[in-house]
């Protein structure tokens, strides 16, 4: 996947189009990611134990990674990172637009 945890991403399509947020978790098997303050849903929670509060809770739900694009920290533009190898043979992500290491 081109998205990893703690990346800053923007949403390309859907009702949250144009919103930006930090990736909280990634599910490579389902090709989904949970992004902070994007794709928010309300859930009705019933108290299970004595003293536990119930009510309506807002929570982020997973969104397909194909709808997300990473934002380069140097040029502040959405880009899909390219993968290159260093002289030592280490794999790194590089911005396709400005060439900066991500």
C-alpha atoms as a PDB file:
ATOM      1  CA  UNK A   1       0.000   0.000   0.000  1.00  0.00           C
ATOM      2  CA  UNK A   2       1.155   3.533  -0.705  1.00  0.00           C
ATOM      3  CA  UNK A   3      -0.224   4.811   2.624  1.00  0.00           C
ATOM      4  CA  UNK A   4       1.319   4.148   6.034  1.00  0.00           C
ATOM      5  CA  UNK A   5       0.427   5.049   9.618  1.00  0.00           C
ATOM      6  CA  UNK A   6       1.102   8.709  10.599  1.00  0.00           C
ATOM      7  CA  UNK A   7       1.055   9.923   6.973  1.00  0.00           C
ATOM      8  CA  UNK A   8      -0.824  13.136   6.200  1.00  0.00           C
ATOM      9  CA  UNK A   9      -3.325  12.410   3.414  1.00  0.00           C
ATOM     10  CA  UNK A  10      -6.071  14.125   1.453  1.00  0.00           C
ATOM     11  CA  UNK A  11      -9.345  12.558   0.320  1.00  0.00           C
ATOM     12  CA  UNK A  12      -9.844  12.392  -3.466  1.00  0.00           C
ATOM     13  CA  UNK A  13     -13.523  11.448  -3.723  1.00  0.00           C
ATOM     14  CA  UNK A  14     -16.682  10.959  -1.715  1.00  0.00           C
ATOM     15  CA  UNK A  15     -18.547  13.154   0.735  1.00  0.00           C
ATOM     16  CA  UNK A  16     -15.292  14.118   2.505  1.00  0.00           C
ATOM     17  CA  UNK A  17     -13.530  15.166  -0.713  1.00  0.00           C
ATOM     18  CA  UNK A  18     -10.739  17.683  -0.075  1.00  0.00           C
ATOM     19  CA  UNK A  19     -10.406  16.991   3.654  1.00  0.00           C
ATOM     20  CA  UNK A  20      -6.976  16.310   5.079  1.00  0.00           C
ATOM     21  CA  UNK A  21      -6.040  14.203   8.065  1.00  0.00           C
ATOM     22  CA  UNK A  22      -3.496  11.942   9.705  1.00  0.00           C
ATOM     23  CA  UNK A  23      -3.676   8.176   9.115  1.00  0.00           C
ATOM     24  CA  UNK A  24      -4.398   6.468  12.428  1.00  0.00           C
ATOM     25  CA  UNK A  25      -4.298   2.835  11.271  1.00  0.00           C
ATOM     26  CA  UNK A  26      -4.001   0.799   8.078  1.00  0.00           C
ATOM     27  CA  UNK A  27      -5.558  -2.537   7.057  1.00  0.00           C
ATOM     28  CA  UNK A  28      -3.509  -3.886   4.121  1.00  0.00           C
ATOM     29  CA  UNK A  29      -5.712  -6.975   3.709  1.00  0.00           C
ATOM     30  CA  UNK A  30      -8.876  -4.949   3.244  1.00  0.00           C
ATOM     31  CA  UNK A  31      -6.991  -2.105   1.488  1.00  0.00           C
ATOM     32  CA  UNK A  32      -8.512   0.409   3.912  1.00  0.00           C
ATOM     33  CA  UNK A  33      -7.252   3.068   6.302  1.00  0.00           C
ATOM     34  CA  UNK A  34      -8.727   5.018   9.212  1.00  0.00           C
ATOM     35  CA  UNK A  35      -8.053   8.751   8.879  1.00  0.00           C
ATOM     36  CA  UNK A  36      -8.509  11.294  11.676  1.00  0.00           C
ATOM     37  CA  UNK A  37     -11.743  13.352  11.291  1.00  0.00           C
ATOM     38  CA  UNK A  38     -12.604  11.769   7.908  1.00  0.00           C
ATOM     39  CA  UNK A  39     -15.558   9.433   7.198  1.00  0.00           C
ATOM     40  CA  UNK A  40     -17.060  10.032  10.647  1.00  0.00           C
ATOM     41  CA  UNK A  41     -20.108   7.995  11.688  1.00  0.00           C
ATOM     42  CA  UNK A  42     -22.318   8.042  14.771  1.00  0.00           C
ATOM     43  CA  UNK A  43     -22.857   4.864  16.756  1.00  0.00           C
ATOM     44  CA  UNK A  44     -25.374   4.268  19.524  1.00  0.00           C
ATOM     45  CA  UNK A  45     -23.554   2.624  22.410  1.00  0.00           C
ATOM     46  CA  UNK A  46     -25.347   0.827  25.199  1.00  0.00           C
ATOM     47  CA  UNK A  47     -23.670   0.708  28.626  1.00  0.00           C
ATOM     48  CA  UNK A  48     -22.397  -2.835  29.269  1.00  0.00           C
ATOM     49  CA  UNK A  49     -21.098  -2.474  32.835  1.00  0.00           C
ATOM     50  CA  UNK A  50     -22.418  -0.576  35.815  1.00  0.00           C
ATOM     51  CA  UNK A  51     -21.112   2.971  35.758  1.00  0.00           C
ATOM     52  CA  UNK A  52     -20.121   2.844  32.084  1.00  0.00           C
ATOM     53  CA  UNK A  53     -21.644   5.689  30.082  1.00  0.00           C
ATOM     54  CA  UNK A  54     -23.827   5.049  27.060  1.00  0.00           C
ATOM     55  CA  UNK A  55     -25.039   7.360  24.330  1.00  0.00           C
ATOM     56  CA  UNK A  56     -24.236   8.469  20.819  1.00  0.00           C
ATOM     57  CA  UNK A  57     -20.535   8.235  19.978  1.00  0.00           C
ATOM     58  CA  UNK A  58     -18.846   9.682  16.892  1.00  0.00           C
ATOM     59  CA  UNK A  59     -16.044   7.562  15.456  1.00  0.00           C
ATOM     60  CA  UNK A  60     -13.947   7.353  12.318  1.00  0.00           C
ATOM     61  CA  UNK A  61     -14.732   4.460   9.992  1.00  0.00           C
ATOM     62  CA  UNK A  62     -12.364   2.895   7.441  1.00  0.00           C
ATOM     63  CA  UNK A  63     -12.031   4.410   3.960  1.00  0.00           C
ATOM     64  CA  UNK A  64     -10.540   2.745   0.880  1.00  0.00           C
ATOM     65  CA  UNK A  65      -6.873   3.606   0.345  1.00  0.00           C
ATOM     66  CA  UNK A  66      -7.517   4.248  -3.353  1.00  0.00           C
ATOM     67  CA  UNK A  67      -9.503   7.342  -2.317  1.00  0.00           C
ATOM     68  CA  UNK A  68      -6.516   8.726  -0.387  1.00  0.00           C
ATOM     69  CA  UNK A  69      -3.356  10.431  -1.569  1.00  0.00           C
ATOM     70  CA  UNK A  70      -0.344  11.322   0.555  1.00  0.00           C
ATOM     71  CA  UNK A  71       0.713  14.964   0.920  1.00  0.00           C
ATOM     72  CA  UNK A  72       4.428  15.734   0.453  1.00  0.00           C
ATOM     73  CA  UNK A  73       5.821  17.594   3.489  1.00  0.00           C
ATOM     74  CA  UNK A  74       8.167  19.677   1.305  1.00  0.00           C
ATOM     75  CA  UNK A  75       5.951  20.853  -1.587  1.00  0.00           C
ATOM     76  CA  UNK A  76       2.547  20.420   0.192  1.00  0.00           C
ATOM     77  CA  UNK A  77       1.023  18.760  -2.883  1.00  0.00           C
ATOM     78  CA  UNK A  78      -0.799  15.427  -3.034  1.00  0.00           C
ATOM     79  CA  UNK A  79       1.430  12.772  -4.565  1.00  0.00           C
ATOM     80  CA  UNK A  80       1.684   9.018  -4.837  1.00  0.00           C
ATOM     81  CA  UNK A  81       5.171   8.189  -3.539  1.00  0.00           C
ATOM     82  CA  UNK A  82       7.736   6.488  -5.763  1.00  0.00           C
ATOM     83  CA  UNK A  83      10.025   3.825  -4.317  1.00  0.00           C
ATOM     84  CA  UNK A  84      13.775   4.091  -4.829  1.00  0.00           C
ATOM     85  CA  UNK A  85      16.854   2.347  -3.464  1.00  0.00           C
ATOM     86  CA  UNK A  86      19.778   4.119  -1.758  1.00  0.00           C
ATOM     87  CA  UNK A  87      23.436   3.277  -2.360  1.00  0.00           C
ATOM     88  CA  UNK A  88      23.264   0.990   0.680  1.00  0.00           C
ATOM     89  CA  UNK A  89      20.299  -0.882  -0.808  1.00  0.00           C
ATOM     90  CA  UNK A  90      17.702   0.603   1.573  1.00  0.00           C
ATOM     91  CA  UNK A  91      14.249   1.197   0.105  1.00  0.00           C
ATOM     92  CA  UNK A  92      12.807   4.695   0.584  1.00  0.00           C
ATOM     93  CA  UNK A  93       9.766   6.680  -0.536  1.00  0.00           C
ATOM     94  CA  UNK A  94      10.272   9.730  -2.759  1.00  0.00           C
ATOM     95  CA  UNK A  95       7.846  12.449  -3.895  1.00  0.00           C
ATOM     96  CA  UNK A  96       7.170  12.138  -7.632  1.00  0.00           C
ATOM     97  CA  UNK A  97       6.626  15.896  -7.991  1.00  0.00           C
ATOM     98  CA  UNK A  98       9.588  17.473  -6.158  1.00  0.00           C
ATOM     99  CA  UNK A  99      11.913  14.488  -5.590  1.00  0.00           C
ATOM    100  CA  UNK A 100      12.137  14.951  -1.805  1.00  0.00           C
ATOM    101  CA  UNK A 101      12.490  11.965   0.536  1.00  0.00           C
ATOM    102  CA  UNK A 102       9.331  11.211   2.442  1.00  0.00           C
END
